């Protein structure tokens, strides 16, 4: 199952106005906004937590970001190892992600770039 996904946009203000209206019609709202001074400029839409992101920050030419929900830390670790073995590029080893970057406590994730440069993540949300 997909935990969250996002796309890169060229003009944050224009895209935010568009997604505020379009996703608002579906009952989604801005549930998180990253500070631009952190090197990222992102807006997350959802209810309890963001499930769809728009942002300008795409390291290594990343085109899209999709995070898949894992059932355990071990599953995140296995995802990372399998993706690297299959030709993916490490974009963040398994580990707890910092809450100072907007992540909730207990956010255990790993990131890889697929062969086309898309950022793929596996995440286990510890409760």
N, C-alpha and C. Protein backbone atom coordinates (compact mmCIF):
# COMPACT_ATOMS: atom_id res chain seq x y z
N UNK A 1 0.84 -1.18 0.00
CA UNK A 1 0.00 0.00 0.00
C UNK A 1 0.88 1.24 0.00
N UNK A 2 0.43 2.27 -0.64
CA UNK A 2 1.17 3.53 -0.68
C UNK A 2 0.90 4.32 0.60
N UNK A 3 1.98 4.81 1.23
CA UNK A 3 1.87 5.62 2.43
C UNK A 3 1.69 7.10 2.05
N UNK A 4 2.50 7.58 1.12
CA UNK A 4 2.36 8.94 0.60
C UNK A 4 3.15 9.06 -0.70
N UNK A 5 2.85 10.10 -1.46
CA UNK A 5 3.52 10.32 -2.73
C UNK A 5 3.62 11.82 -2.98
N UNK A 6 4.41 12.20 -3.96
CA UNK A 6 4.55 13.61 -4.26
C UNK A 6 5.17 13.85 -5.61
N UNK A 7 5.04 15.08 -6.06
CA UNK A 7 5.58 15.47 -7.35
C UNK A 7 6.33 16.79 -7.23
N UNK A 8 7.25 17.03 -8.13
CA UNK A 8 7.95 18.29 -8.20
C UNK A 8 7.16 19.28 -9.04
N UNK A 9 7.22 20.53 -8.66
CA UNK A 9 6.51 21.59 -9.40
C UNK A 9 7.48 22.74 -9.67
N UNK A 10 7.21 23.48 -10.73
CA UNK A 10 8.08 24.60 -11.11
C UNK A 10 7.75 25.88 -10.35
N UNK A 11 6.49 26.10 -10.06
CA UNK A 11 6.05 27.34 -9.41
C UNK A 11 5.19 26.97 -8.21
N UNK A 12 5.77 27.07 -7.01
CA UNK A 12 5.06 26.64 -5.80
C UNK A 12 3.77 27.41 -5.58
N UNK A 13 3.80 28.72 -5.74
CA UNK A 13 2.60 29.53 -5.47
C UNK A 13 1.45 29.14 -6.40
N UNK A 14 1.76 29.02 -7.68
CA UNK A 14 0.72 28.65 -8.66
C UNK A 14 0.19 27.24 -8.38
N UNK A 15 1.10 26.30 -8.12
CA UNK A 15 0.68 24.92 -7.88
C UNK A 15 -0.08 24.79 -6.56
N UNK A 16 0.35 25.53 -5.52
CA UNK A 16 -0.36 25.48 -4.24
C UNK A 16 -1.79 25.97 -4.40
N UNK A 17 -1.99 27.05 -5.15
CA UNK A 17 -3.35 27.55 -5.37
C UNK A 17 -4.19 26.51 -6.10
N UNK A 18 -3.59 25.86 -7.10
CA UNK A 18 -4.29 24.82 -7.86
C UNK A 18 -4.68 23.65 -6.95
N UNK A 19 -3.70 23.10 -6.21
CA UNK A 19 -3.98 21.93 -5.37
C UNK A 19 -4.84 22.26 -4.16
N UNK A 20 -4.74 23.49 -3.63
CA UNK A 20 -5.65 23.89 -2.55
C UNK A 20 -7.10 23.74 -3.02
N UNK A 21 -7.38 24.21 -4.23
CA UNK A 21 -8.74 24.16 -4.77
C UNK A 21 -9.13 22.74 -5.17
N UNK A 22 -8.28 22.09 -5.98
CA UNK A 22 -8.64 20.78 -6.52
C UNK A 22 -8.76 19.72 -5.42
N UNK A 23 -7.78 19.67 -4.53
CA UNK A 23 -7.83 18.67 -3.47
C UNK A 23 -8.81 19.06 -2.36
N UNK A 24 -9.04 20.36 -2.20
CA UNK A 24 -10.05 20.83 -1.25
C UNK A 24 -11.43 20.30 -1.61
N UNK A 25 -11.69 20.19 -2.91
CA UNK A 25 -12.98 19.66 -3.37
C UNK A 25 -13.14 18.19 -2.99
N UNK A 26 -12.01 17.50 -2.71
CA UNK A 26 -12.04 16.10 -2.29
C UNK A 26 -11.96 15.95 -0.77
N UNK A 27 -11.95 17.08 -0.07
CA UNK A 27 -11.91 17.05 1.38
C UNK A 27 -10.51 17.04 1.97
N UNK A 28 -9.48 17.17 1.12
CA UNK A 28 -8.10 17.22 1.62
C UNK A 28 -7.71 18.67 1.88
N UNK A 29 -6.78 18.86 2.81
CA UNK A 29 -6.33 20.21 3.14
C UNK A 29 -4.81 20.18 3.33
N UNK A 30 -4.22 21.36 3.40
CA UNK A 30 -2.80 21.43 3.73
C UNK A 30 -2.64 20.92 5.16
N UNK A 31 -1.91 19.85 5.32
CA UNK A 31 -1.71 19.31 6.66
C UNK A 31 -0.28 19.51 7.16
N UNK A 32 0.61 19.95 6.27
CA UNK A 32 1.97 20.26 6.68
C UNK A 32 2.62 21.15 5.62
N UNK A 33 3.44 22.07 6.07
CA UNK A 33 4.20 22.90 5.15
C UNK A 33 5.62 22.99 5.67
N UNK A 34 6.59 22.63 4.82
CA UNK A 34 7.99 22.68 5.21
C UNK A 34 8.53 24.10 5.05
N UNK A 35 9.39 24.53 5.96
CA UNK A 35 9.93 25.88 5.85
C UNK A 35 10.92 25.99 4.68
N UNK A 36 10.78 27.02 3.85
CA UNK A 36 11.65 27.18 2.69
C UNK A 36 13.12 27.35 3.07
N UNK A 37 13.42 27.84 4.26
CA UNK A 37 14.81 28.07 4.64
C UNK A 37 15.55 26.78 4.96
N UNK A 38 14.89 25.64 4.93
CA UNK A 38 15.53 24.34 5.18
C UNK A 38 16.07 23.74 3.88
N UNK A 39 15.97 24.48 2.77
CA UNK A 39 16.40 23.94 1.49
C UNK A 39 15.29 23.20 0.77
N UNK A 40 14.15 23.11 1.41
CA UNK A 40 12.99 22.49 0.78
C UNK A 40 11.86 23.50 0.79
N UNK A 41 10.98 23.33 -0.09
CA UNK A 41 9.79 24.18 -0.16
C UNK A 41 8.66 23.23 -0.50
N UNK A 42 8.04 22.63 0.51
CA UNK A 42 7.05 21.60 0.26
C UNK A 42 5.76 21.82 1.02
N UNK A 43 4.68 21.39 0.40
CA UNK A 43 3.35 21.44 1.01
C UNK A 43 2.77 20.04 0.93
N UNK A 44 2.31 19.54 2.09
CA UNK A 44 1.69 18.23 2.15
C UNK A 44 0.20 18.35 2.36
N UNK A 45 -0.56 17.56 1.62
CA UNK A 45 -2.03 17.56 1.70
C UNK A 45 -2.50 16.24 2.29
N UNK A 46 -3.53 16.31 3.11
CA UNK A 46 -4.11 15.12 3.70
C UNK A 46 -5.12 15.47 4.76
N UNK A 47 -5.33 14.55 5.67
CA UNK A 47 -6.21 14.79 6.81
C UNK A 47 -5.37 14.73 8.08
N UNK A 48 -5.07 13.53 8.57
CA UNK A 48 -4.25 13.40 9.77
C UNK A 48 -2.77 13.67 9.50
N UNK A 49 -2.28 13.20 8.37
CA UNK A 49 -0.91 13.47 7.96
C UNK A 49 -0.89 13.56 6.43
N UNK A 50 0.15 14.17 5.87
CA UNK A 50 0.19 14.37 4.42
C UNK A 50 0.30 13.05 3.65
N UNK A 51 -0.55 12.90 2.64
CA UNK A 51 -0.48 11.74 1.76
C UNK A 51 -0.04 12.12 0.35
N UNK A 52 -0.08 13.43 0.05
CA UNK A 52 0.35 13.92 -1.26
C UNK A 52 1.14 15.21 -1.05
N UNK A 53 2.32 15.28 -1.67
CA UNK A 53 3.21 16.43 -1.53
C UNK A 53 3.47 17.11 -2.87
N UNK A 54 3.62 18.42 -2.82
CA UNK A 54 4.22 19.15 -3.94
C UNK A 54 5.45 19.84 -3.37
N UNK A 55 6.52 19.85 -4.15
CA UNK A 55 7.74 20.52 -3.68
C UNK A 55 8.67 20.84 -4.83
N UNK A 56 9.65 21.68 -4.52
CA UNK A 56 10.68 22.04 -5.49
C UNK A 56 11.98 21.31 -5.22
N UNK A 57 12.06 20.57 -4.14
CA UNK A 57 13.33 19.95 -3.77
C UNK A 57 13.40 18.54 -4.32
N UNK A 58 14.26 18.35 -5.29
CA UNK A 58 14.43 17.02 -5.87
C UNK A 58 15.91 16.75 -6.09
N UNK A 59 16.59 16.19 -5.08
CA UNK A 59 18.02 15.90 -5.24
C UNK A 59 18.24 14.85 -6.33
N UNK A 60 19.34 14.94 -6.99
CA UNK A 60 19.73 13.98 -8.03
C UNK A 60 18.75 13.93 -9.20
N UNK A 61 18.03 15.02 -9.45
CA UNK A 61 17.10 15.03 -10.57
C UNK A 61 15.87 14.16 -10.36
N UNK A 62 15.48 13.92 -9.12
CA UNK A 62 14.32 13.08 -8.83
C UNK A 62 13.09 13.65 -9.51
N UNK A 63 12.32 12.78 -10.14
CA UNK A 63 11.12 13.20 -10.86
C UNK A 63 9.87 13.07 -10.00
N UNK A 64 9.82 12.01 -9.21
CA UNK A 64 8.64 11.74 -8.40
C UNK A 64 9.08 11.02 -7.13
N UNK A 65 8.27 11.14 -6.09
CA UNK A 65 8.54 10.45 -4.84
C UNK A 65 7.30 9.64 -4.46
N UNK A 66 7.52 8.37 -4.14
CA UNK A 66 6.45 7.52 -3.64
C UNK A 66 6.98 6.72 -2.46
N UNK A 67 6.20 6.70 -1.38
CA UNK A 67 6.57 5.93 -0.19
C UNK A 67 5.58 4.80 0.00
N UNK A 68 6.12 3.60 0.19
CA UNK A 68 5.31 2.42 0.42
C UNK A 68 5.32 2.09 1.91
N UNK A 69 4.18 1.72 2.45
CA UNK A 69 4.05 1.38 3.86
C UNK A 69 4.65 0.00 4.12
N UNK A 70 5.53 -0.08 5.10
CA UNK A 70 6.12 -1.35 5.52
C UNK A 70 5.47 -1.79 6.84
N UNK A 71 5.56 -3.10 7.13
CA UNK A 71 4.94 -3.64 8.34
C UNK A 71 5.90 -3.67 9.53
N UNK A 72 7.21 -3.44 9.27
CA UNK A 72 8.21 -3.50 10.33
C UNK A 72 9.50 -2.84 9.88
N UNK A 73 10.40 -2.63 10.83
CA UNK A 73 11.74 -2.13 10.49
C UNK A 73 12.45 -3.14 9.58
N UNK A 74 12.29 -4.43 9.89
CA UNK A 74 12.95 -5.46 9.10
C UNK A 74 12.49 -5.41 7.64
N UNK A 75 11.23 -5.11 7.42
CA UNK A 75 10.73 -5.01 6.05
C UNK A 75 11.34 -3.80 5.34
N UNK A 76 11.52 -2.69 6.05
CA UNK A 76 12.20 -1.52 5.46
C UNK A 76 13.63 -1.90 5.08
N UNK A 77 14.33 -2.58 5.98
CA UNK A 77 15.70 -3.00 5.72
C UNK A 77 15.77 -3.92 4.49
N UNK A 78 14.83 -4.87 4.41
CA UNK A 78 14.80 -5.81 3.28
C UNK A 78 14.52 -5.08 1.97
N UNK A 79 13.62 -4.12 1.99
CA UNK A 79 13.32 -3.30 0.80
C UNK A 79 14.59 -2.62 0.31
N UNK A 80 15.31 -1.97 1.21
CA UNK A 80 16.51 -1.23 0.84
C UNK A 80 17.55 -2.16 0.22
N UNK A 81 17.80 -3.28 0.87
CA UNK A 81 18.79 -4.25 0.38
C UNK A 81 18.39 -4.80 -0.99
N UNK A 82 17.13 -5.17 -1.15
CA UNK A 82 16.65 -5.73 -2.42
C UNK A 82 16.72 -4.70 -3.54
N UNK A 83 16.35 -3.46 -3.24
CA UNK A 83 16.38 -2.41 -4.26
C UNK A 83 17.80 -2.12 -4.73
N UNK A 84 18.75 -2.09 -3.79
CA UNK A 84 20.15 -1.86 -4.18
C UNK A 84 20.67 -3.03 -5.02
N UNK A 85 20.34 -4.26 -4.61
CA UNK A 85 20.78 -5.45 -5.35
C UNK A 85 20.21 -5.47 -6.76
N UNK A 86 19.01 -4.90 -6.92
CA UNK A 86 18.34 -4.88 -8.22
C UNK A 86 18.78 -3.70 -9.09
N UNK A 87 19.75 -2.91 -8.62
CA UNK A 87 20.26 -1.82 -9.44
C UNK A 87 19.87 -0.42 -9.00
N UNK A 88 19.16 -0.30 -7.88
CA UNK A 88 18.81 1.01 -7.37
C UNK A 88 20.03 1.71 -6.77
N UNK A 89 19.90 3.01 -6.56
CA UNK A 89 20.97 3.82 -5.97
C UNK A 89 20.53 4.28 -4.59
N UNK A 90 21.39 4.09 -3.60
CA UNK A 90 21.07 4.51 -2.24
C UNK A 90 20.78 6.01 -2.20
N UNK A 91 19.67 6.37 -1.59
CA UNK A 91 19.30 7.77 -1.41
C UNK A 91 18.95 8.05 0.06
N UNK A 92 19.37 7.15 0.95
CA UNK A 92 19.13 7.29 2.38
C UNK A 92 18.95 5.93 3.00
N UNK A 93 19.94 5.46 3.78
CA UNK A 93 19.86 4.11 4.36
C UNK A 93 18.76 4.00 5.40
N UNK A 94 18.37 2.79 5.76
CA UNK A 94 17.34 2.60 6.77
C UNK A 94 17.71 3.27 8.09
N UNK A 95 16.72 3.90 8.70
CA UNK A 95 16.94 4.53 10.00
C UNK A 95 15.77 5.42 10.40
N UNK A 96 15.80 5.84 11.66
CA UNK A 96 14.81 6.79 12.17
C UNK A 96 15.11 8.15 11.56
N UNK A 97 14.10 8.81 11.05
CA UNK A 97 14.27 10.13 10.44
C UNK A 97 13.99 11.22 11.47
N UNK A 98 14.73 12.29 11.35
CA UNK A 98 14.69 13.39 12.31
C UNK A 98 13.34 14.09 12.35
N UNK A 99 12.85 14.34 13.55
CA UNK A 99 11.61 15.10 13.71
C UNK A 99 11.83 16.56 13.37
N UNK A 100 13.08 17.03 13.42
CA UNK A 100 13.36 18.43 13.07
C UNK A 100 13.15 18.70 11.59
N UNK A 101 13.09 17.66 10.78
CA UNK A 101 12.83 17.79 9.34
C UNK A 101 11.36 17.62 9.01
N UNK A 102 10.50 17.61 10.05
CA UNK A 102 9.06 17.50 9.83
C UNK A 102 8.51 16.09 9.93
N UNK A 103 9.38 15.12 10.21
CA UNK A 103 8.91 13.74 10.35
C UNK A 103 8.31 13.52 11.73
N UNK A 104 7.27 12.70 11.82
CA UNK A 104 6.71 12.39 13.14
C UNK A 104 7.66 11.46 13.90
N UNK A 105 7.56 11.40 15.22
CA UNK A 105 8.39 10.47 16.00
C UNK A 105 8.17 9.02 15.52
N UNK A 106 9.24 8.23 15.54
CA UNK A 106 9.14 6.83 15.16
C UNK A 106 9.05 6.58 13.67
N UNK A 107 9.48 7.53 12.85
CA UNK A 107 9.42 7.41 11.39
C UNK A 107 10.70 6.71 10.91
N UNK A 108 10.60 5.41 10.64
CA UNK A 108 11.73 4.59 10.22
C UNK A 108 11.61 4.35 8.72
N UNK A 109 12.59 4.82 7.96
CA UNK A 109 12.46 4.77 6.51
C UNK A 109 13.79 4.52 5.82
N UNK A 110 13.71 4.13 4.56
CA UNK A 110 14.87 3.98 3.68
C UNK A 110 14.46 4.49 2.30
N UNK A 111 15.44 5.04 1.57
CA UNK A 111 15.19 5.65 0.27
C UNK A 111 16.15 5.11 -0.78
N UNK A 112 15.62 4.88 -1.97
CA UNK A 112 16.45 4.51 -3.12
C UNK A 112 15.96 5.27 -4.34
N UNK A 113 16.89 5.49 -5.26
CA UNK A 113 16.51 6.03 -6.57
C UNK A 113 16.36 4.85 -7.51
N UNK A 114 15.25 4.81 -8.22
CA UNK A 114 15.06 3.74 -9.20
C UNK A 114 15.92 4.03 -10.44
N UNK A 115 15.94 3.15 -11.44
CA UNK A 115 16.79 3.38 -12.60
C UNK A 115 16.49 4.67 -13.38
N UNK A 116 15.30 5.24 -13.19
CA UNK A 116 14.96 6.48 -13.88
C UNK A 116 15.11 7.71 -13.00
N UNK A 117 15.60 7.54 -11.78
CA UNK A 117 15.83 8.69 -10.90
C UNK A 117 14.66 9.06 -10.01
N UNK A 118 13.64 8.22 -9.94
CA UNK A 118 12.52 8.48 -9.03
C UNK A 118 12.91 8.04 -7.62
N UNK A 119 12.51 8.82 -6.63
CA UNK A 119 12.83 8.52 -5.23
C UNK A 119 11.75 7.60 -4.65
N UNK A 120 12.15 6.38 -4.30
CA UNK A 120 11.23 5.38 -3.77
C UNK A 120 11.59 5.14 -2.31
N UNK A 121 10.59 5.13 -1.46
CA UNK A 121 10.80 5.01 -0.02
C UNK A 121 9.97 3.86 0.53
N UNK A 122 10.49 3.21 1.56
CA UNK A 122 9.70 2.29 2.38
C UNK A 122 9.71 2.90 3.78
N UNK A 123 8.53 2.95 4.41
CA UNK A 123 8.43 3.57 5.73
C UNK A 123 7.62 2.70 6.68
N UNK A 124 8.12 2.60 7.90
CA UNK A 124 7.40 1.96 8.99
C UNK A 124 7.15 3.04 10.03
N UNK A 125 5.90 3.28 10.34
CA UNK A 125 5.53 4.30 11.33
C UNK A 125 5.30 3.62 12.68
N UNK A 126 6.28 3.77 13.55
CA UNK A 126 6.15 3.19 14.88
C UNK A 126 5.14 3.97 15.68
N UNK A 127 4.27 3.30 16.35
CA UNK A 127 3.20 3.98 17.10
C UNK A 127 3.56 4.05 18.56
